[in-house]
Each structure stands twice: as structure tokens, then as C-alpha cells.
PDB file of N, CA and C in Angstrom:
ATOM      1  N   MET A   1      -6.505 -14.753  -0.025  1.00  0.00           N
ATOM      2  CA  MET A   1      -5.087 -14.513   0.103  1.00  0.00           C
ATOM      3  C   MET A   1      -4.873 -13.368   1.078  1.00  0.00           C
ATOM      4  N   ASN A   2      -3.929 -13.532   1.918  1.00  0.00           N
ATOM      5  CA  ASN A   2      -3.524 -12.504   2.856  1.00  0.00           C
ATOM      6  C   ASN A   2      -2.109 -12.081   2.485  1.00  0.00           C
ATOM      7  N   TRP A   3      -1.850 -10.816   2.526  1.00  0.00           N
ATOM      8  CA  TRP A   3      -0.511 -10.345   2.203  1.00  0.00           C
ATOM      9  C   TRP A   3      -0.151  -9.166   3.084  1.00  0.00           C
ATOM     10  N   SER A   4       1.114  -8.876   3.172  1.00  0.00           N
ATOM     11  CA  SER A   4       1.592  -7.674   3.837  1.00  0.00           C
ATOM     12  C   SER A   4       2.669  -7.061   2.961  1.00  0.00           C
ATOM     13  N   GLY A   5       2.908  -5.813   3.175  1.00  0.00           N
ATOM     14  CA  GLY A   5       3.909  -5.145   2.369  1.00  0.00           C
ATOM     15  C   GLY A   5       4.530  -3.982   3.109  1.00  0.00           C
ATOM     16  N   LEU A   6       5.545  -3.451   2.503  1.00  0.00           N
ATOM     17  CA  LEU A   6       6.268  -2.316   3.046  1.00  0.00           C
ATOM     18  C   LEU A   6       6.079  -1.158   2.081  1.00  0.00           C
ATOM     19  N   ALA A   7       5.753   0.002   2.592  1.00  0.00           N
ATOM     20  CA  ALA A   7       5.550   1.174   1.747  1.00  0.00           C
ATOM     21  C   ALA A   7       6.481   2.292   2.200  1.00  0.00           C
ATOM     22  N   ALA A   8       6.835   3.126   1.245  1.00  0.00           N
ATOM     23  CA  ALA A   8       7.665   4.293   1.532  1.00  0.00           C
ATOM     24  C   ALA A   8       6.875   5.535   1.115  1.00  0.00           C
ATOM     25  N   PRO A   9       7.231   6.679   1.631  1.00  0.00           N
ATOM     26  CA  PRO A   9       6.528   7.908   1.251  1.00  0.00           C
ATOM     27  C   PRO A   9       6.622   8.177  -0.252  1.00  0.00           C
ATOM     28  N   ALA A  10       5.629   8.869  -0.762  1.00  0.00           N
ATOM     29  CA  ALA A  10       5.653   9.273  -2.168  1.00  0.00           C
ATOM     30  C   ALA A  10       6.939  10.042  -2.451  1.00  0.00           C
ATOM     31  N   ARG A  11       7.428   9.889  -3.649  1.00  0.00           N
ATOM     32  CA  ARG A  11       8.632  10.568  -4.129  1.00  0.00           C
ATOM     33  C   ARG A  11       9.910  10.131  -3.426  1.00  0.00           C
ATOM     34  N   THR A  12       9.882   8.965  -2.757  1.00  0.00           N
ATOM     35  CA  THR A  12      11.130   8.411  -2.232  1.00  0.00           C
ATOM     36  C   THR A  12      12.021   8.096  -3.426  1.00  0.00           C
ATOM     37  N   PRO A  13      13.278   8.485  -3.397  1.00  0.00           N
ATOM     38  CA  PRO A  13      14.152   8.239  -4.545  1.00  0.00           C
ATOM     39  C   PRO A  13      14.203   6.755  -4.925  1.00  0.00           C
ATOM     40  N   ASP A  14      14.251   6.504  -6.231  1.00  0.00           N
ATOM     41  CA  ASP A  14      14.278   5.128  -6.735  1.00  0.00           C
ATOM     42  C   ASP A  14      15.408   4.314  -6.120  1.00  0.00           C
ATOM     43  N   ALA A  15      16.566   4.940  -5.920  1.00  0.00           N
ATOM     44  CA  ALA A  15      17.702   4.216  -5.343  1.00  0.00           C
ATOM     45  C   ALA A  15      17.396   3.744  -3.924  1.00  0.00           C
ATOM     46  N   VAL A  16      16.678   4.549  -3.171  1.00  0.00           N
ATOM     47  CA  VAL A  16      16.313   4.180  -1.800  1.00  0.00           C
ATOM     48  C   VAL A  16      15.294   3.042  -1.828  1.00  0.00           C
ATOM     49  N   VAL A  17      14.308   3.134  -2.709  1.00  0.00           N
ATOM     50  CA  VAL A  17      13.311   2.068  -2.842  1.00  0.00           C
ATOM     51  C   VAL A  17      14.002   0.759  -3.241  1.00  0.00           C
ATOM     52  N   ALA A  18      14.911   0.828  -4.185  1.00  0.00           N
ATOM     53  CA  ALA A  18      15.631  -0.370  -4.630  1.00  0.00           C
ATOM     54  C   ALA A  18      16.442  -0.972  -3.490  1.00  0.00           C
ATOM     55  N   ARG A  19      17.077  -0.137  -2.694  1.00  0.00           N
ATOM     56  CA  ARG A  19      17.871  -0.641  -1.556  1.00  0.00           C
ATOM     57  C   ARG A  19      16.973  -1.295  -0.515  1.00  0.00           C
ATOM     58  N   LEU A  20      15.839  -0.654  -0.208  1.00  0.00           N
ATOM     59  CA  LEU A  20      14.894  -1.239   0.748  1.00  0.00           C
ATOM     60  C   LEU A  20      14.403  -2.598   0.263  1.00  0.00           C
ATOM     61  N   GLN A  21      14.056  -2.677  -1.017  1.00  0.00           N
ATOM     62  CA  GLN A  21      13.555  -3.930  -1.569  1.00  0.00           C
ATOM     63  C   GLN A  21      14.619  -5.007  -1.506  1.00  0.00           C
ATOM     64  N   ALA A  22      15.849  -4.666  -1.838  1.00  0.00           N
ATOM     65  CA  ALA A  22      16.946  -5.637  -1.790  1.00  0.00           C
ATOM     66  C   ALA A  22      17.177  -6.133  -0.364  1.00  0.00           C
ATOM     67  N   GLU A  23      17.123  -5.235   0.600  1.00  0.00           N
ATOM     68  CA  GLU A  23      17.335  -5.626   1.999  1.00  0.00           C
ATOM     69  C   GLU A  23      16.190  -6.507   2.510  1.00  0.00           C
ATOM     70  N   VAL A  24      14.972  -6.205   2.098  1.00  0.00           N
ATOM     71  CA  VAL A  24      13.835  -7.037   2.500  1.00  0.00           C
ATOM     72  C   VAL A  24      13.970  -8.436   1.904  1.00  0.00           C
ATOM     73  N   VAL A  25      14.330  -8.512   0.634  1.00  0.00           N
ATOM     74  CA  VAL A  25      14.519  -9.826  -0.004  1.00  0.00           C
ATOM     75  C   VAL A  25      15.602 -10.616   0.726  1.00  0.00           C
ATOM     76  N   THR A  26      16.682  -9.944   1.090  1.00  0.00           N
ATOM     77  CA  THR A  26      17.755 -10.617   1.840  1.00  0.00           C
ATOM     78  C   THR A  26      17.238 -11.124   3.180  1.00  0.00           C
ATOM     79  N   ALA A  27      16.491 -10.274   3.887  1.00  0.00           N
ATOM     80  CA  ALA A  27      15.947 -10.687   5.188  1.00  0.00           C
ATOM     81  C   ALA A  27      14.996 -11.868   5.044  1.00  0.00           C
ATOM     82  N   LEU A  28      14.188 -11.862   3.984  1.00  0.00           N
ATOM     83  CA  LEU A  28      13.223 -12.948   3.783  1.00  0.00           C
ATOM     84  C   LEU A  28      13.897 -14.282   3.480  1.00  0.00           C
ATOM     85  N   GLN A  29      15.169 -14.248   3.117  1.00  0.00           N
ATOM     86  CA  GLN A  29      15.907 -15.482   2.847  1.00  0.00           C
ATOM     87  C   GLN A  29      16.532 -16.076   4.104  1.00  0.00           C
ATOM     88  N   ALA A  30      16.499 -15.342   5.199  1.00  0.00           N
ATOM     89  CA  ALA A  30      17.085 -15.826   6.453  1.00  0.00           C
ATOM     90  C   ALA A  30      16.286 -17.017   6.969  1.00  0.00           C
ATOM     91  N   PRO A  31      16.967 -18.119   7.281  1.00  0.00           N
ATOM     92  CA  PRO A  31      16.262 -19.314   7.759  1.00  0.00           C
ATOM     93  C   PRO A  31      15.351 -19.053   8.957  1.00  0.00           C
ATOM     94  N   VAL A  32      15.785 -18.229   9.894  1.00  0.00           N
ATOM     95  CA  VAL A  32      14.956 -17.980  11.078  1.00  0.00           C
ATOM     96  C   VAL A  32      13.648 -17.290  10.684  1.00  0.00           C
ATOM     97  N   LEU A  33      13.708 -16.373   9.737  1.00  0.00           N
ATOM     98  CA  LEU A  33      12.488 -15.693   9.295  1.00  0.00           C
ATOM     99  C   LEU A  33      11.616 -16.642   8.482  1.00  0.00           C
ATOM    100  N   GLN A  34      12.220 -17.466   7.649  1.00  0.00           N
ATOM    101  CA  GLN A  34      11.442 -18.437   6.882  1.00  0.00           C
ATOM    102  C   GLN A  34      10.739 -19.427   7.810  1.00  0.00           C
ATOM    103  N   GLU A  35      11.426 -19.863   8.852  1.00  0.00           N
ATOM    104  CA  GLU A  35      10.806 -20.770   9.826  1.00  0.00           C
ATOM    105  C   GLU A  35       9.652 -20.085  10.547  1.00  0.00           C
ATOM    106  N   PHE A  36       9.846 -18.835  10.931  1.00  0.00           N
ATOM    107  CA  PHE A  36       8.790 -18.100  11.614  1.00  0.00           C
ATOM    108  C   PHE A  36       7.569 -17.941  10.706  1.00  0.00           C
ATOM    109  N   LEU A  37       7.790 -17.537   9.474  1.00  0.00           N
ATOM    110  CA  LEU A  37       6.668 -17.371   8.543  1.00  0.00           C
ATOM    111  C   LEU A  37       5.963 -18.700   8.304  1.00  0.00           C
ATOM    112  N   ALA A  38       6.718 -19.775   8.182  1.00  0.00           N
ATOM    113  CA  ALA A  38       6.116 -21.099   7.994  1.00  0.00           C
ATOM    114  C   ALA A  38       5.252 -21.473   9.199  1.00  0.00           C
ATOM    115  N   SER A  39       5.676 -21.077  10.405  1.00  0.00           N
ATOM    116  CA  SER A  39       4.880 -21.379  11.605  1.00  0.00           C
ATOM    117  C   SER A  39       3.547 -20.645  11.588  1.00  0.00           C
ATOM    118  N   LEU A  40       3.459 -19.591  10.786  1.00  0.00           N
ATOM    119  CA  LEU A  40       2.218 -18.823  10.640  1.00  0.00           C
ATOM    120  C   LEU A  40       1.443 -19.239   9.390  1.00  0.00           C
ATOM    121  N   ALA A  41       1.887 -20.326   8.762  1.00  0.00           N
ATOM    122  CA  ALA A  41       1.307 -20.786   7.491  1.00  0.00           C
ATOM    123  C   ALA A  41       1.412 -19.691   6.434  1.00  0.00           C
ATOM    124  N   SER A  42       2.545 -19.015   6.435  1.00  0.00           N
ATOM    125  CA  SER A  42       2.788 -17.929   5.505  1.00  0.00           C
ATOM    126  C   SER A  42       4.057 -18.231   4.720  1.00  0.00           C
ATOM    127  N   ALA A  43       4.221 -17.527   3.623  1.00  0.00           N
ATOM    128  CA  ALA A  43       5.410 -17.707   2.793  1.00  0.00           C
ATOM    129  C   ALA A  43       5.965 -16.341   2.425  1.00  0.00           C
ATOM    130  N   PRO A  44       7.293 -16.209   2.397  1.00  0.00           N
ATOM    131  CA  PRO A  44       7.876 -14.932   2.020  1.00  0.00           C
ATOM    132  C   PRO A  44       7.656 -14.630   0.547  1.00  0.00           C
ATOM    133  N   GLY A  45       7.512 -13.369   0.241  1.00  0.00           N
ATOM    134  CA  GLY A  45       7.314 -12.951  -1.144  1.00  0.00           C
ATOM    135  C   GLY A  45       8.490 -12.160  -1.656  1.00  0.00           C
ATOM    136  N   GLY A  46       8.516 -10.879  -1.364  1.00  0.00           N
ATOM    137  CA  GLY A  46       9.610 -10.039  -1.813  1.00  0.00           C
ATOM    138  C   GLY A  46       9.480  -9.580  -3.248  1.00  0.00           C
ATOM    139  N   MET A  47       8.242  -9.301  -3.686  1.00  0.00           N
ATOM    140  CA  MET A  47       8.046  -8.888  -5.082  1.00  0.00           C
ATOM    141  C   MET A  47       8.637  -7.503  -5.329  1.00  0.00           C
ATOM    142  N   PRO A  48       9.004  -7.238  -6.582  1.00  0.00           N
ATOM    143  CA  PRO A  48       9.546  -5.917  -6.932  1.00  0.00           C
ATOM    144  C   PRO A  48       8.518  -4.811  -6.699  1.00  0.00           C
ATOM    145  N   PRO A  49       8.997  -3.578  -6.468  1.00  0.00           N
ATOM    146  CA  PRO A  49       8.086  -2.469  -6.192  1.00  0.00           C
ATOM    147  C   PRO A  49       6.994  -2.284  -7.248  1.00  0.00           C
ATOM    148  N   GLU A  50       7.326  -2.459  -8.514  1.00  0.00           N
ATOM    149  CA  GLU A  50       6.328  -2.272  -9.574  1.00  0.00           C
ATOM    150  C   GLU A  50       5.215  -3.318  -9.457  1.00  0.00           C
ATOM    151  N   ALA A  51       5.576  -4.548  -9.140  1.00  0.00           N
ATOM    152  CA  ALA A  51       4.581  -5.611  -8.991  1.00  0.00           C
ATOM    153  C   ALA A  51       3.717  -5.359  -7.760  1.00  0.00           C
ATOM    154  N   PHE A  52       4.319  -4.864  -6.683  1.00  0.00           N
ATOM    155  CA  PHE A  52       3.545  -4.565  -5.479  1.00  0.00           C
ATOM    156  C   PHE A  52       2.576  -3.413  -5.737  1.00  0.00           C
ATOM    157  N   ALA A  53       3.026  -2.399  -6.470  1.00  0.00           N
ATOM    158  CA  ALA A  53       2.144  -1.288  -6.823  1.00  0.00           C
ATOM    159  C   ALA A  53       0.957  -1.781  -7.645  1.00  0.00           C
ATOM    160  N   ALA A  54       1.210  -2.711  -8.569  1.00  0.00           N
ATOM    161  CA  ALA A  54       0.123  -3.274  -9.373  1.00  0.00           C
ATOM    162  C   ALA A  54      -0.841  -4.064  -8.492  1.00  0.00           C
ATOM    163  N   LEU A  55      -0.309  -4.841  -7.546  1.00  0.00           N
ATOM    164  CA  LEU A  55      -1.162  -5.597  -6.624  1.00  0.00           C
ATOM    165  C   LEU A  55      -2.041  -4.646  -5.807  1.00  0.00           C
ATOM    166  N   LEU A  56      -1.452  -3.574  -5.301  1.00  0.00           N
ATOM    167  CA  LEU A  56      -2.234  -2.599  -4.531  1.00  0.00           C
ATOM    168  C   LEU A  56      -3.347  -1.994  -5.375  1.00  0.00           C
ATOM    169  N   ALA A  57      -3.043  -1.674  -6.620  1.00  0.00           N
ATOM    170  CA  ALA A  57      -4.066  -1.102  -7.506  1.00  0.00           C
ATOM    171  C   ALA A  57      -5.195  -2.103  -7.740  1.00  0.00           C
ATOM    172  N   GLU A  58      -4.848  -3.369  -7.985  1.00  0.00           N
ATOM    173  CA  GLU A  58      -5.865  -4.408  -8.198  1.00  0.00           C
ATOM    174  C   GLU A  58      -6.713  -4.614  -6.953  1.00  0.00           C
ATOM    175  N   GLU A  59      -6.067  -4.683  -5.796  1.00  0.00           N
ATOM    176  CA  GLU A  59      -6.796  -4.899  -4.544  1.00  0.00           C
ATOM    177  C   GLU A  59      -7.711  -3.713  -4.235  1.00  0.00           C
ATOM    178  N   THR A  60      -7.264  -2.505  -4.530  1.00  0.00           N
ATOM    179  CA  THR A  60      -8.100  -1.321  -4.298  1.00  0.00           C
ATOM    180  C   THR A  60      -9.381  -1.407  -5.112  1.00  0.00           C
ATOM    181  N   VAL A  61      -9.256  -1.748  -6.379  1.00  0.00           N
ATOM    182  CA  VAL A  61     -10.441  -1.867  -7.238  1.00  0.00           C
ATOM    183  C   VAL A  61     -11.331  -2.998  -6.740  1.00  0.00           C
ATOM    184  N   ARG A  62     -10.726  -4.149  -6.439  1.00  0.00           N
ATOM    185  CA  ARG A  62     -11.502  -5.316  -5.996  1.00  0.00           C
ATOM    186  C   ARG A  62     -12.326  -4.983  -4.762  1.00  0.00           C
ATOM    187  N   TRP A  63     -11.695  -4.434  -3.750  1.00  0.00           N
ATOM    188  CA  TRP A  63     -12.407  -4.210  -2.494  1.00  0.00           C
ATOM    189  C   TRP A  63     -13.327  -3.008  -2.549  1.00  0.00           C
ATOM    190  N   ARG A  64     -13.051  -2.047  -3.421  1.00  0.00           N
ATOM    191  CA  ARG A  64     -14.001  -0.954  -3.631  1.00  0.00           C
ATOM    192  C   ARG A  64     -15.269  -1.515  -4.259  1.00  0.00           C
ATOM    193  N   ASP A  65     -15.111  -2.430  -5.229  1.00  0.00           N
ATOM    194  CA  ASP A  65     -16.270  -3.059  -5.873  1.00  0.00           C
ATOM    195  C   ASP A  65     -17.063  -3.917  -4.888  1.00  0.00           C
ATOM    196  N   VAL A  66     -16.360  -4.665  -4.055  1.00  0.00           N
ATOM    197  CA  VAL A  66     -17.030  -5.502  -3.050  1.00  0.00           C
ATOM    198  C   VAL A  66     -17.823  -4.615  -2.087  1.00  0.00           C
ATOM    199  N   ALA A  67     -17.182  -3.569  -1.589  1.00  0.00           N
ATOM    200  CA  ALA A  67     -17.862  -2.671  -0.651  1.00  0.00           C
ATOM    201  C   ALA A  67     -19.071  -2.004  -1.310  1.00  0.00           C
ATOM    202  N   GLY A  68     -18.898  -1.546  -2.538  1.00  0.00           N
ATOM    203  CA  GLY A  68     -20.018  -0.912  -3.247  1.00  0.00           C
ATOM    204  C   GLY A  68     -21.148  -1.865  -3.475  1.00  0.00           C
ATOM    205  N   GLY A  69     -20.838  -3.102  -3.838  1.00  0.00           N
ATOM    206  CA  GLY A  69     -21.868  -4.117  -4.074  1.00  0.00           C
ATOM    207  C   GLY A  69     -22.613  -4.489  -2.807  1.00  0.00           C
ATOM    208  N   ALA A  70     -21.947  -4.302  -1.675  1.00  0.00           N
ATOM    209  CA  ALA A  70     -22.588  -4.608  -0.392  1.00  0.00           C
ATOM    210  C   ALA A  70     -23.280  -3.382   0.206  1.00  0.00           C
ATOM    211  N   GLY A  71     -23.235  -2.277  -0.524  1.00  0.00           N
ATOM    212  CA  GLY A  71     -23.870  -1.062  -0.027  1.00  0.00           C
ATOM    213  C   GLY A  71     -23.082  -0.339   1.049  1.00  0.00           C
ATOM    214  N   ILE A  72     -21.804  -0.658   1.168  1.00  0.00           N
ATOM    215  CA  ILE A  72     -20.958   0.002   2.170  1.00  0.00           C
ATOM    216  C   ILE A  72     -20.407   1.276   1.535  1.00  0.00           C
ATOM    217  N   GLU A  73     -20.601   2.386   2.227  1.00  0.00           N
ATOM    218  CA  GLU A  73     -20.155   3.671   1.711  1.00  0.00           C
ATOM    219  C   GLU A  73     -19.082   4.256   2.600  1.00  0.00           C
ATOM    220  N   ARG A  74     -18.174   4.980   1.990  1.00  0.00           N
ATOM    221  CA  ARG A  74     -17.113   5.652   2.728  1.00  0.00           C
ATOM    222  C   ARG A  74     -17.710   6.834   3.482  1.00  0.00           C
ATOM    223  N   GLN A  75     -17.300   7.004   4.710  1.00  0.00           N
ATOM    224  CA  GLN A  75     -17.815   8.119   5.513  1.00  0.00           C
ATOM    225  C   GLN A  75     -16.753   9.120   5.800  1.00  0.00           C
TER     226      GLN A  75
END
């Protein structure tokens, strides 16, 4: 799975995060953007900030484990 996301600085006010998320969801509903994403074999998501944070945490653990298992060390 390939994904992309939008991040804001730590301690960004909840109201600002909520507004950004709402605007992104609105943009992802635009037919021109949906057509463009489909041309890339991609699909819009627009998950809530809490779900995206959970995904980032899961992916961090997954890829840290993969790198460690392959003997790749952080430099």
C-alpha cells in the first residue's frame, strides 16, 4: 500500500487541524482531483487526524522492524 498525508506542526490548535482536514476532504471530492488520482491508480482517502496518527504509528513500528530484521541501522 502506498499512501500520502498532510502533517501540521506539533501543537497546532485542534480547530486549525479540523479545518485543514475538512478542506482536504472537500478537495478530494472534486471530480477533477478524483479523475487525476484515478489516472495514477490511486484513490482519495481523507481519514480523520486520529486515524492518520494511528496509521503513522503502525507504519513506524512496521518499517522499524523490517529495517532491524534486515540489519539496517540508523546512522
